[in-house]
C-alpha cells in the first residue's frame, strides 16, 4: 500500500511540475507576443513617420511652385480685368446707340415666305 501511495504522490508531483511548465510556457508565449506587438508597432510608427516626411517634402516642393503660379495668375487676372473695363468704357456708348437704333427704328416688311391668297 505504501508503494501505491508513493506512486500516487509521484504522479501528483509530476502533474504539478507539468502544470508549472505549461504555465511558464504560456507566460513566455505571452511575453513574446507582447514584445513582437511592441516591435511591430514601433516599426509601423517609424514607417509612418518616414512616409509623412516624404509627403511633407513633396508637398513643400509642389506648393513652392504653386505659390509663384498663384501670384502670376492673380497679376494676369488684374491685367485682364483692367483691359475688359477699358473696352467696356470705350464701347459702351456705341453699343447702346446701336441697340436703341435697332429697337426704335422699325421698318415693317413682309416675310419671304408670306403669300397673298388670291
N, C-alpha and C. Protein backbone atom coordinates (compact mmCIF):
# COMPACT_ATOMS: atom_id res chain seq x y z
N UNK A 1 0.81 -1.18 0.00
CA UNK A 1 0.00 0.00 0.00
C UNK A 1 0.86 1.25 0.00
N UNK A 2 1.97 1.15 0.68
CA UNK A 2 2.85 2.31 0.80
C UNK A 2 3.42 2.66 -0.56
N UNK A 3 3.76 1.63 -1.34
CA UNK A 3 4.32 1.91 -2.66
C UNK A 3 3.26 2.49 -3.59
N UNK A 4 2.01 2.09 -3.37
CA UNK A 4 0.94 2.61 -4.20
C UNK A 4 0.72 4.09 -3.89
N UNK A 5 0.73 4.45 -2.58
CA UNK A 5 0.53 5.85 -2.22
C UNK A 5 1.75 6.66 -2.62
N UNK A 6 2.93 6.05 -2.58
CA UNK A 6 4.14 6.74 -3.03
C UNK A 6 4.07 6.98 -4.54
N UNK A 7 3.54 6.03 -5.30
CA UNK A 7 3.37 6.18 -6.75
C UNK A 7 2.37 7.29 -7.07
N UNK A 8 1.30 7.36 -6.27
CA UNK A 8 0.30 8.42 -6.47
C UNK A 8 0.93 9.78 -6.18
N UNK A 9 1.73 9.84 -5.11
CA UNK A 9 2.39 11.09 -4.77
C UNK A 9 3.33 11.53 -5.89
N UNK A 10 4.05 10.57 -6.46
CA UNK A 10 4.95 10.90 -7.57
C UNK A 10 4.16 11.40 -8.78
N UNK A 11 3.03 10.73 -9.05
CA UNK A 11 2.18 11.18 -10.16
C UNK A 11 1.65 12.60 -9.92
N UNK A 12 1.22 12.89 -8.71
CA UNK A 12 0.72 14.22 -8.37
C UNK A 12 1.82 15.27 -8.51
N UNK A 13 3.03 14.93 -8.05
CA UNK A 13 4.16 15.86 -8.17
C UNK A 13 4.52 16.07 -9.64
N UNK A 14 4.49 15.00 -10.43
CA UNK A 14 4.79 15.11 -11.86
C UNK A 14 3.73 15.97 -12.55
N UNK A 15 2.46 15.79 -12.15
CA UNK A 15 1.38 16.59 -12.73
C UNK A 15 1.55 18.06 -12.36
N UNK A 16 1.96 18.31 -11.11
CA UNK A 16 2.16 19.68 -10.66
C UNK A 16 3.31 20.33 -11.43
N UNK A 17 4.42 19.58 -11.60
CA UNK A 17 5.56 20.11 -12.38
C UNK A 17 5.16 20.37 -13.82
N UNK A 18 4.35 19.50 -14.41
CA UNK A 18 3.89 19.68 -15.78
C UNK A 18 3.01 20.92 -15.88
N UNK A 19 2.13 21.12 -14.91
CA UNK A 19 1.27 22.30 -14.91
C UNK A 19 2.12 23.57 -14.78
N UNK A 20 3.15 23.53 -13.95
CA UNK A 20 4.04 24.68 -13.79
C UNK A 20 4.78 24.97 -15.10
N UNK A 21 5.25 23.91 -15.78
CA UNK A 21 5.94 24.09 -17.05
C UNK A 21 5.00 24.69 -18.10
N UNK A 22 3.74 24.18 -18.13
CA UNK A 22 2.76 24.71 -19.08
C UNK A 22 2.48 26.18 -18.78
N UNK A 23 2.33 26.52 -17.49
CA UNK A 23 2.07 27.91 -17.10
C UNK A 23 3.26 28.79 -17.48
N UNK A 24 4.46 28.32 -17.26
CA UNK A 24 5.66 29.08 -17.62
C UNK A 24 5.75 29.26 -19.14
N UNK A 25 5.41 28.21 -19.88
CA UNK A 25 5.43 28.31 -21.34
C UNK A 25 4.40 29.34 -21.82
N UNK A 26 3.23 29.35 -21.20
CA UNK A 26 2.20 30.34 -21.55
C UNK A 26 2.70 31.76 -21.27
N UNK A 27 3.35 31.93 -20.12
CA UNK A 27 3.88 33.25 -19.78
C UNK A 27 4.93 33.69 -20.81
N UNK A 28 5.84 32.76 -21.18
CA UNK A 28 6.86 33.09 -22.19
C UNK A 28 6.20 33.45 -23.51
N UNK A 29 5.19 32.67 -23.89
CA UNK A 29 4.47 32.94 -25.15
C UNK A 29 3.83 34.32 -25.11
N UNK A 30 3.18 34.65 -24.02
CA UNK A 30 2.54 35.96 -23.88
C UNK A 30 3.57 37.09 -23.93
N UNK A 31 4.72 36.88 -23.27
CA UNK A 31 5.79 37.90 -23.31
C UNK A 31 6.30 38.08 -24.73
N UNK A 32 6.50 36.96 -25.44
CA UNK A 32 6.98 37.05 -26.83
C UNK A 32 5.95 37.76 -27.72
N UNK A 33 4.68 37.43 -27.55
CA UNK A 33 3.64 38.10 -28.33
C UNK A 33 3.60 39.60 -28.04
N UNK A 34 3.71 39.95 -26.76
CA UNK A 34 3.70 41.36 -26.38
C UNK A 34 4.91 42.07 -26.97
N UNK A 35 6.07 41.43 -26.89
CA UNK A 35 7.29 42.03 -27.43
C UNK A 35 7.19 42.18 -28.95
N UNK A 36 6.66 41.16 -29.62
CA UNK A 36 6.50 41.22 -31.08
C UNK A 36 5.53 42.34 -31.46
N UNK A 37 4.47 42.48 -30.67
CA UNK A 37 3.49 43.53 -30.94
C UNK A 37 4.14 44.91 -30.77
N UNK A 38 4.92 45.08 -29.73
CA UNK A 38 5.60 46.37 -29.50
C UNK A 38 6.59 46.67 -30.62
N UNK A 39 7.34 45.65 -31.06
CA UNK A 39 8.29 45.84 -32.15
C UNK A 39 7.56 46.21 -33.45
N UNK A 40 6.47 45.53 -33.71
CA UNK A 40 5.70 45.82 -34.92
C UNK A 40 5.13 47.24 -34.85
N UNK A 41 4.65 47.63 -33.68
CA UNK A 41 4.10 48.97 -33.52
C UNK A 41 5.19 50.02 -33.75
N UNK A 42 6.39 49.78 -33.21
CA UNK A 42 7.50 50.71 -33.40
C UNK A 42 7.89 50.79 -34.88
N UNK A 43 7.90 49.64 -35.55
CA UNK A 43 8.24 49.62 -36.98
C UNK A 43 7.19 50.36 -37.81
N UNK A 44 5.93 50.16 -37.46
CA UNK A 44 4.85 50.86 -38.16
C UNK A 44 4.98 52.36 -37.95
N UNK A 45 5.24 52.77 -36.73
CA UNK A 45 5.38 54.20 -36.43
C UNK A 45 6.57 54.80 -37.19
N UNK A 46 7.67 54.06 -37.25
CA UNK A 46 8.84 54.54 -37.98
C UNK A 46 8.52 54.68 -39.47
N UNK A 47 7.84 53.70 -40.05
CA UNK A 47 7.47 53.75 -41.46
C UNK A 47 6.52 54.91 -41.73
N UNK A 48 5.53 55.10 -40.83
CA UNK A 48 4.58 56.19 -40.98
C UNK A 48 5.30 57.54 -40.94
N UNK A 49 6.22 57.70 -40.04
CA UNK A 49 6.96 58.97 -39.94
C UNK A 49 7.81 59.20 -41.19
N UNK A 50 8.42 58.13 -41.71
CA UNK A 50 9.22 58.25 -42.93
C UNK A 50 8.34 58.68 -44.10
N UNK A 51 7.19 58.04 -44.26
CA UNK A 51 6.28 58.38 -45.36
C UNK A 51 5.73 59.80 -45.19
N UNK A 52 5.45 60.18 -43.97
CA UNK A 52 4.95 61.53 -43.72
C UNK A 52 6.02 62.57 -44.05
N UNK A 53 7.26 62.27 -43.73
CA UNK A 53 8.36 63.19 -44.05
C UNK A 53 8.50 63.33 -45.57
N UNK A 54 8.41 62.20 -46.30
CA UNK A 54 8.48 62.25 -47.76
C UNK A 54 7.32 63.06 -48.32
N UNK A 55 6.13 62.88 -47.75
CA UNK A 55 4.97 63.62 -48.22
C UNK A 55 5.15 65.11 -47.99
N UNK A 56 5.64 65.47 -46.80
CA UNK A 56 5.86 66.89 -46.50
C UNK A 56 6.86 67.50 -47.47
N UNK A 57 7.90 66.75 -47.80
CA UNK A 57 8.90 67.25 -48.74
C UNK A 57 8.28 67.49 -50.11
N UNK A 58 7.52 66.51 -50.59
CA UNK A 58 6.87 66.65 -51.90
C UNK A 58 5.84 67.77 -51.88
N UNK A 59 5.11 67.87 -50.78
CA UNK A 59 4.09 68.91 -50.65
C UNK A 59 4.74 70.29 -50.67
N UNK A 60 5.85 70.44 -49.97
CA UNK A 60 6.54 71.73 -49.94
C UNK A 60 7.05 72.08 -51.33
N UNK A 61 7.57 71.10 -52.05
CA UNK A 61 8.06 71.36 -53.41
C UNK A 61 6.90 71.76 -54.32
N UNK A 62 5.78 71.07 -54.19
CA UNK A 62 4.63 71.37 -55.04
C UNK A 62 4.03 72.72 -54.70
N UNK A 63 3.91 73.02 -53.42
CA UNK A 63 3.33 74.30 -53.02
C UNK A 63 4.26 75.46 -53.34
N UNK A 64 5.55 75.20 -53.31
CA UNK A 64 6.50 76.27 -53.66
C UNK A 64 6.30 76.72 -55.09
N UNK A 65 6.11 75.78 -56.00
CA UNK A 65 5.89 76.14 -57.39
C UNK A 65 4.49 76.72 -57.58
N UNK A 66 3.52 76.25 -56.80
CA UNK A 66 2.17 76.79 -56.90
C UNK A 66 2.08 78.21 -56.36
N UNK A 67 2.89 78.52 -55.38
CA UNK A 67 2.88 79.86 -54.81
C UNK A 67 3.22 80.90 -55.87
N UNK A 68 4.25 80.64 -56.68
CA UNK A 68 4.62 81.56 -57.76
C UNK A 68 3.52 81.60 -58.82
N UNK A 69 2.94 80.48 -59.12
CA UNK A 69 1.89 80.41 -60.13
C UNK A 69 0.68 81.23 -59.68
N UNK A 70 0.34 81.13 -58.43
CA UNK A 70 -0.82 81.86 -57.92
C UNK A 70 -0.61 83.37 -58.05
N UNK A 71 0.58 83.83 -57.76
CA UNK A 71 0.88 85.26 -57.88
C UNK A 71 0.76 85.68 -59.34
N UNK A 72 1.30 84.87 -60.23
CA UNK A 72 1.23 85.19 -61.66
C UNK A 72 -0.22 85.19 -62.15
N UNK A 73 -1.00 84.23 -61.73
CA UNK A 73 -2.41 84.16 -62.14
C UNK A 73 -3.16 85.38 -61.63
N UNK A 74 -2.92 85.77 -60.39
CA UNK A 74 -3.58 86.95 -59.85
C UNK A 74 -3.20 88.21 -60.63
N UNK A 75 -1.93 88.36 -60.94
CA UNK A 75 -1.47 89.52 -61.70
C UNK A 75 -2.11 89.53 -63.09
N UNK A 76 -2.14 88.39 -63.74
CA UNK A 76 -2.74 88.27 -65.07
C UNK A 76 -4.23 88.59 -65.02
N UNK A 77 -4.91 88.13 -63.98
CA UNK A 77 -6.34 88.41 -63.83
C UNK A 77 -6.60 89.90 -63.67
N UNK A 78 -5.79 90.56 -62.88
CA UNK A 78 -5.95 92.00 -62.68
C UNK A 78 -5.74 92.74 -64.01
N UNK A 79 -4.72 92.34 -64.76
CA UNK A 79 -4.45 92.98 -66.06
C UNK A 79 -5.63 92.77 -67.02
N UNK A 80 -6.14 91.56 -67.09
CA UNK A 80 -7.26 91.27 -67.99
C UNK A 80 -8.51 92.03 -67.58
N UNK A 81 -8.77 92.13 -66.29
CA UNK A 81 -9.93 92.89 -65.81
C UNK A 81 -9.80 94.36 -66.19
N UNK A 82 -8.60 94.90 -66.10
CA UNK A 82 -8.38 96.30 -66.49
C UNK A 82 -8.66 96.48 -67.98
N UNK A 83 -8.21 95.54 -68.81
CA UNK A 83 -8.47 95.63 -70.25
C UNK A 83 -9.97 95.53 -70.56
N UNK A 84 -10.65 94.64 -69.88
CA UNK A 84 -12.09 94.47 -70.10
C UNK A 84 -12.83 95.74 -69.70
N UNK A 85 -12.47 96.32 -68.55
CA UNK A 85 -13.13 97.55 -68.11
C UNK A 85 -12.86 98.70 -69.09
N UNK A 86 -11.64 98.80 -69.59
CA UNK A 86 -11.32 99.86 -70.55
C UNK A 86 -12.12 99.67 -71.83
N UNK A 87 -12.24 98.42 -72.30
CA UNK A 87 -13.01 98.13 -73.50
C UNK A 87 -14.49 98.46 -73.27
N UNK A 88 -15.00 98.13 -72.12
CA UNK A 88 -16.40 98.42 -71.77
C UNK A 88 -16.66 99.93 -71.80
N UNK A 89 -15.78 100.67 -71.13
CA UNK A 89 -15.96 102.12 -71.06
C UNK A 89 -15.84 102.76 -72.45
N UNK A 90 -14.97 102.26 -73.28
CA UNK A 90 -14.77 102.83 -74.61
C UNK A 90 -15.90 102.52 -75.58
N UNK A 91 -16.52 101.35 -75.45
CA UNK A 91 -17.54 100.93 -76.42
C UNK A 91 -18.97 101.02 -75.90
N UNK A 92 -19.16 101.44 -74.68
CA UNK A 92 -20.49 101.46 -74.08
C UNK A 92 -21.46 102.34 -74.86
N UNK A 93 -21.07 103.55 -75.16
CA UNK A 93 -21.95 104.50 -75.86
C UNK A 93 -22.31 104.01 -77.26
N UNK A 94 -21.33 103.48 -77.97
CA UNK A 94 -21.57 102.99 -79.33
C UNK A 94 -22.56 101.83 -79.32
N UNK A 95 -22.36 100.90 -78.42
CA UNK A 95 -23.24 99.72 -78.34
C UNK A 95 -24.65 100.13 -77.94
N UNK A 96 -24.77 101.01 -76.96
CA UNK A 96 -26.10 101.46 -76.54
C UNK A 96 -26.80 102.21 -77.68
N UNK A 97 -26.07 103.03 -78.42
CA UNK A 97 -26.66 103.75 -79.56
C UNK A 97 -27.16 102.79 -80.62
N UNK A 98 -26.34 101.79 -80.99
CA UNK A 98 -26.76 100.79 -81.99
C UNK A 98 -27.98 100.02 -81.50
N UNK A 99 -27.99 99.65 -80.26
CA UNK A 99 -29.10 98.89 -79.70
C UNK A 99 -30.39 99.71 -79.72
N UNK A 100 -30.31 100.95 -79.28
CA UNK A 100 -31.50 101.80 -79.28
C UNK A 100 -32.00 102.07 -80.71
N UNK A 101 -31.09 102.24 -81.65
CA UNK A 101 -31.49 102.47 -83.04
C UNK A 101 -32.24 101.27 -83.57
N UNK A 102 -31.74 100.08 -83.33
CA UNK A 102 -32.40 98.87 -83.85
C UNK A 102 -33.75 98.64 -83.18
N UNK A 103 -33.89 99.02 -81.93
CA UNK A 103 -35.16 98.82 -81.23
C UNK A 103 -36.17 99.87 -81.64
N UNK A 104 -35.74 101.10 -81.79
CA UNK A 104 -36.68 102.20 -82.06
C UNK A 104 -36.99 102.39 -83.54
N UNK A 105 -36.07 102.16 -84.44
CA UNK A 105 -36.29 102.38 -85.88
C UNK A 105 -36.70 101.06 -86.54
N UNK A 106 -37.99 100.83 -86.60
CA UNK A 106 -38.51 99.59 -87.17
C UNK A 106 -39.03 99.88 -88.57
N UNK A 107 -38.62 99.07 -89.53
CA UNK A 107 -39.15 99.16 -90.89
C UNK A 107 -39.95 97.91 -91.17
N UNK A 108 -41.29 98.04 -91.25
CA UNK A 108 -42.11 96.85 -91.47
C UNK A 108 -41.95 96.33 -92.89
N UNK A 109 -41.86 95.03 -93.04
CA UNK A 109 -41.78 94.39 -94.35
C UNK A 109 -42.32 92.97 -94.22
N UNK A 110 -42.73 92.41 -95.35
CA UNK A 110 -43.27 91.05 -95.34
C UNK A 110 -42.14 90.04 -95.26
N UNK A 111 -42.49 88.93 -94.69
CA UNK A 111 -41.53 87.82 -94.62
C UNK A 111 -41.43 87.16 -95.97
N UNK A 112 -40.31 86.57 -96.29
CA UNK A 112 -40.08 85.96 -97.61
C UNK A 112 -41.07 84.84 -97.89
N UNK A 113 -41.53 84.14 -96.92
CA UNK A 113 -42.43 83.01 -97.13
C UNK A 113 -43.91 83.41 -97.11
N UNK A 114 -44.20 84.68 -96.91
CA UNK A 114 -45.59 85.12 -96.88
C UNK A 114 -46.17 85.13 -98.29
N UNK A 115 -47.38 84.55 -98.47
CA UNK A 115 -48.07 84.53 -99.77
C UNK A 115 -49.43 85.16 -99.61
N UNK A 116 -49.74 85.94 -100.53
CA UNK A 116 -51.07 86.57 -100.53
C UNK A 116 -52.04 85.59 -101.18
N UNK A 117 -53.13 85.34 -100.53
CA UNK A 117 -54.13 84.40 -101.07
C UNK A 117 -54.88 85.09 -102.21
N UNK A 118 -54.96 84.42 -103.32
CA UNK A 118 -55.74 85.08 -104.31
C UNK A 118 -55.63 84.65 -105.65
